[in-house]
Amino acid sequence: MLDTAIGPVTNVFNDGTFQMNVTHIGRHNKFRYNTYETVSVASNNTGYTLHQLRTYGLRVSCHVRQRDIYNRLYADVYLEKAT
């Protein structure tokens, strides 16, 4: 099972990279995550562009595949559902 990092998008660098504030993590996670993480998008499954996610203040759930050589998270991005 992939690690999960959840939080709002705080900054967008380009169409495939953004910064997020990690507010929650999955209970099954194997690794630690910083308060702010840079995410390289493997697939965007939200229905929004990254700029829209930041503008609307929406939270995303990142299913982390790995870290790249620049220490960014390489992840599938989903819209976090409100509970």
C-alpha atoms as a PDB file:
ATOM      1  CA  MET A   1       0.000   0.000   0.000  1.00  0.00           C
ATOM      2  CA  LEU A   2       1.280   3.477  -0.883  1.00  0.00           C
ATOM      3  CA  ASP A   3       2.008   6.133   1.747  1.00  0.00           C
ATOM      4  CA  THR A   4      -0.550   8.952   1.896  1.00  0.00           C
ATOM      5  CA  ALA A   5       0.061  12.659   2.543  1.00  0.00           C
ATOM      6  CA  ILE A   6      -2.968  14.971   2.828  1.00  0.00           C
ATOM      7  CA  GLY A   7      -3.223  18.757   2.885  1.00  0.00           C
ATOM      8  CA  PRO A   8      -3.890  21.952   0.952  1.00  0.00           C
ATOM      9  CA  VAL A   9      -1.884  23.111  -2.053  1.00  0.00           C
ATOM     10  CA  THR A  10       0.148  26.145  -0.933  1.00  0.00           C
ATOM     11  CA  ASN A  11       2.208  26.965  -4.023  1.00  0.00           C
ATOM     12  CA  VAL A  12       2.304  25.924  -7.691  1.00  0.00           C
ATOM     13  CA  PHE A  13       5.663  25.932  -9.464  1.00  0.00           C
ATOM     14  CA  ASN A  14       4.559  24.645 -12.893  1.00  0.00           C
ATOM     15  CA  ASP A  15       1.963  22.327 -14.443  1.00  0.00           C
ATOM     16  CA  GLY A  16       3.447  19.259 -12.795  1.00  0.00           C
ATOM     17  CA  THR A  17       4.971  20.413  -9.493  1.00  0.00           C
ATOM     18  CA  PHE A  18       3.444  22.004  -6.410  1.00  0.00           C
ATOM     19  CA  GLN A  19       4.058  22.516  -2.707  1.00  0.00           C
ATOM     20  CA  MET A  20       1.616  21.270  -0.103  1.00  0.00           C
ATOM     21  CA  ASN A  21       1.176  21.691   3.643  1.00  0.00           C
ATOM     22  CA  VAL A  22       1.025  18.136   5.002  1.00  0.00           C
ATOM     23  CA  THR A  23      -1.688  18.252   7.671  1.00  0.00           C
ATOM     24  CA  HIS A  24      -2.511  14.538   7.846  1.00  0.00           C
ATOM     25  CA  ILE A  25      -0.765  11.304   6.935  1.00  0.00           C
ATOM     26  CA  GLY A  26      -2.003   7.747   6.519  1.00  0.00           C
ATOM     27  CA  ARG A  27      -1.824   5.358   9.465  1.00  0.00           C
ATOM     28  CA  HIS A  28      -0.118   2.795   7.267  1.00  0.00           C
ATOM     29  CA  ASN A  29       2.732   5.139   6.207  1.00  0.00           C
ATOM     30  CA  LYS A  30       6.242   3.716   6.334  1.00  0.00           C
ATOM     31  CA  PHE A  31       8.106   7.032   6.049  1.00  0.00           C
ATOM     32  CA  ARG A  32       8.072  10.436   7.759  1.00  0.00           C
ATOM     33  CA  TYR A  33       7.000  13.580   5.943  1.00  0.00           C
ATOM     34  CA  ASN A  34       7.897  17.232   6.445  1.00  0.00           C
ATOM     35  CA  THR A  35       5.292  19.900   7.218  1.00  0.00           C
ATOM     36  CA  TYR A  36       5.768  21.268   3.690  1.00  0.00           C
ATOM     37  CA  GLU A  37       6.535  18.888   0.840  1.00  0.00           C
ATOM     38  CA  THR A  38       7.143  19.506  -2.855  1.00  0.00           C
ATOM     39  CA  VAL A  39       5.171  17.099  -5.026  1.00  0.00           C
ATOM     40  CA  SER A  40       5.908  16.052  -8.593  1.00  0.00           C
ATOM     41  CA  VAL A  41       2.622  14.847 -10.096  1.00  0.00           C
ATOM     42  CA  ALA A  42       2.542  11.321 -11.533  1.00  0.00           C
ATOM     43  CA  SER A  43      -1.178  11.618 -12.350  1.00  0.00           C
ATOM     44  CA  ASN A  44      -3.705  14.336 -11.500  1.00  0.00           C
ATOM     45  CA  ASN A  45      -7.054  12.698 -10.693  1.00  0.00           C
ATOM     46  CA  THR A  46      -8.770  15.750  -9.182  1.00  0.00           C
ATOM     47  CA  GLY A  47     -10.553  17.235 -12.184  1.00  0.00           C
ATOM     48  CA  TYR A  48      -8.878  20.587 -11.443  1.00  0.00           C
ATOM     49  CA  THR A  49      -5.627  22.185 -12.564  1.00  0.00           C
ATOM     50  CA  LEU A  50      -3.000  22.717  -9.866  1.00  0.00           C
ATOM     51  CA  HIS A  51      -3.585  26.482 -10.009  1.00  0.00           C
ATOM     52  CA  GLN A  52      -7.330  25.945  -9.385  1.00  0.00           C
ATOM     53  CA  LEU A  53      -6.589  23.714  -6.390  1.00  0.00           C
ATOM     54  CA  ARG A  54      -4.476  26.495  -4.849  1.00  0.00           C
ATOM     55  CA  THR A  55      -6.949  29.263  -5.703  1.00  0.00           C
ATOM     56  CA  TYR A  56      -9.939  27.370  -4.283  1.00  0.00           C
ATOM     57  CA  GLY A  57      -7.985  26.232  -1.201  1.00  0.00           C
ATOM     58  CA  LEU A  58      -8.827  22.572  -1.796  1.00  0.00           C
ATOM     59  CA  ARG A  59      -7.112  19.725   0.041  1.00  0.00           C
ATOM     60  CA  VAL A  60      -5.480  16.936  -1.887  1.00  0.00           C
ATOM     61  CA  SER A  61      -4.513  13.386  -1.052  1.00  0.00           C
ATOM     62  CA  CYS A  62      -1.163  12.293  -2.476  1.00  0.00           C
ATOM     63  CA  HIS A  63      -0.499   8.586  -2.866  1.00  0.00           C
ATOM     64  CA  VAL A  64       3.284   8.600  -2.787  1.00  0.00           C
ATOM     65  CA  ARG A  65       5.101   6.318  -5.210  1.00  0.00           C
ATOM     66  CA  GLN A  66       8.647   7.435  -4.337  1.00  0.00           C
ATOM     67  CA  ARG A  67      10.983  10.387  -3.801  1.00  0.00           C
ATOM     68  CA  ASP A  68      12.934  11.628  -6.784  1.00  0.00           C
ATOM     69  CA  ILE A  69      16.584  12.692  -6.867  1.00  0.00           C
ATOM     70  CA  TYR A  70      15.567  16.239  -5.816  1.00  0.00           C
ATOM     71  CA  ASN A  71      13.763  14.884  -2.703  1.00  0.00           C
ATOM     72  CA  ARG A  72      10.316  15.691  -4.171  1.00  0.00           C
ATOM     73  CA  LEU A  73       7.433  13.300  -3.659  1.00  0.00           C
ATOM     74  CA  TYR A  74       6.407  11.548  -6.869  1.00  0.00           C
ATOM     75  CA  ALA A  75       2.706  10.909  -6.307  1.00  0.00           C
ATOM     76  CA  ASP A  76      -0.762  10.317  -7.720  1.00  0.00           C
ATOM     77  CA  VAL A  77      -2.918  13.273  -6.689  1.00  0.00           C
ATOM     78  CA  TYR A  78      -6.592  12.969  -5.682  1.00  0.00           C
ATOM     79  CA  LEU A  79      -9.112  15.451  -4.327  1.00  0.00           C
ATOM     80  CA  GLU A  80      -9.543  14.904  -0.568  1.00  0.00           C
ATOM     81  CA  LYS A  81     -13.142  14.182   0.294  1.00  0.00           C
ATOM     82  CA  ALA A  82     -14.628  16.124   3.224  1.00  0.00           C
ATOM     83  CA  THR A  83     -15.732  13.979   6.156  1.00  0.00           C
END
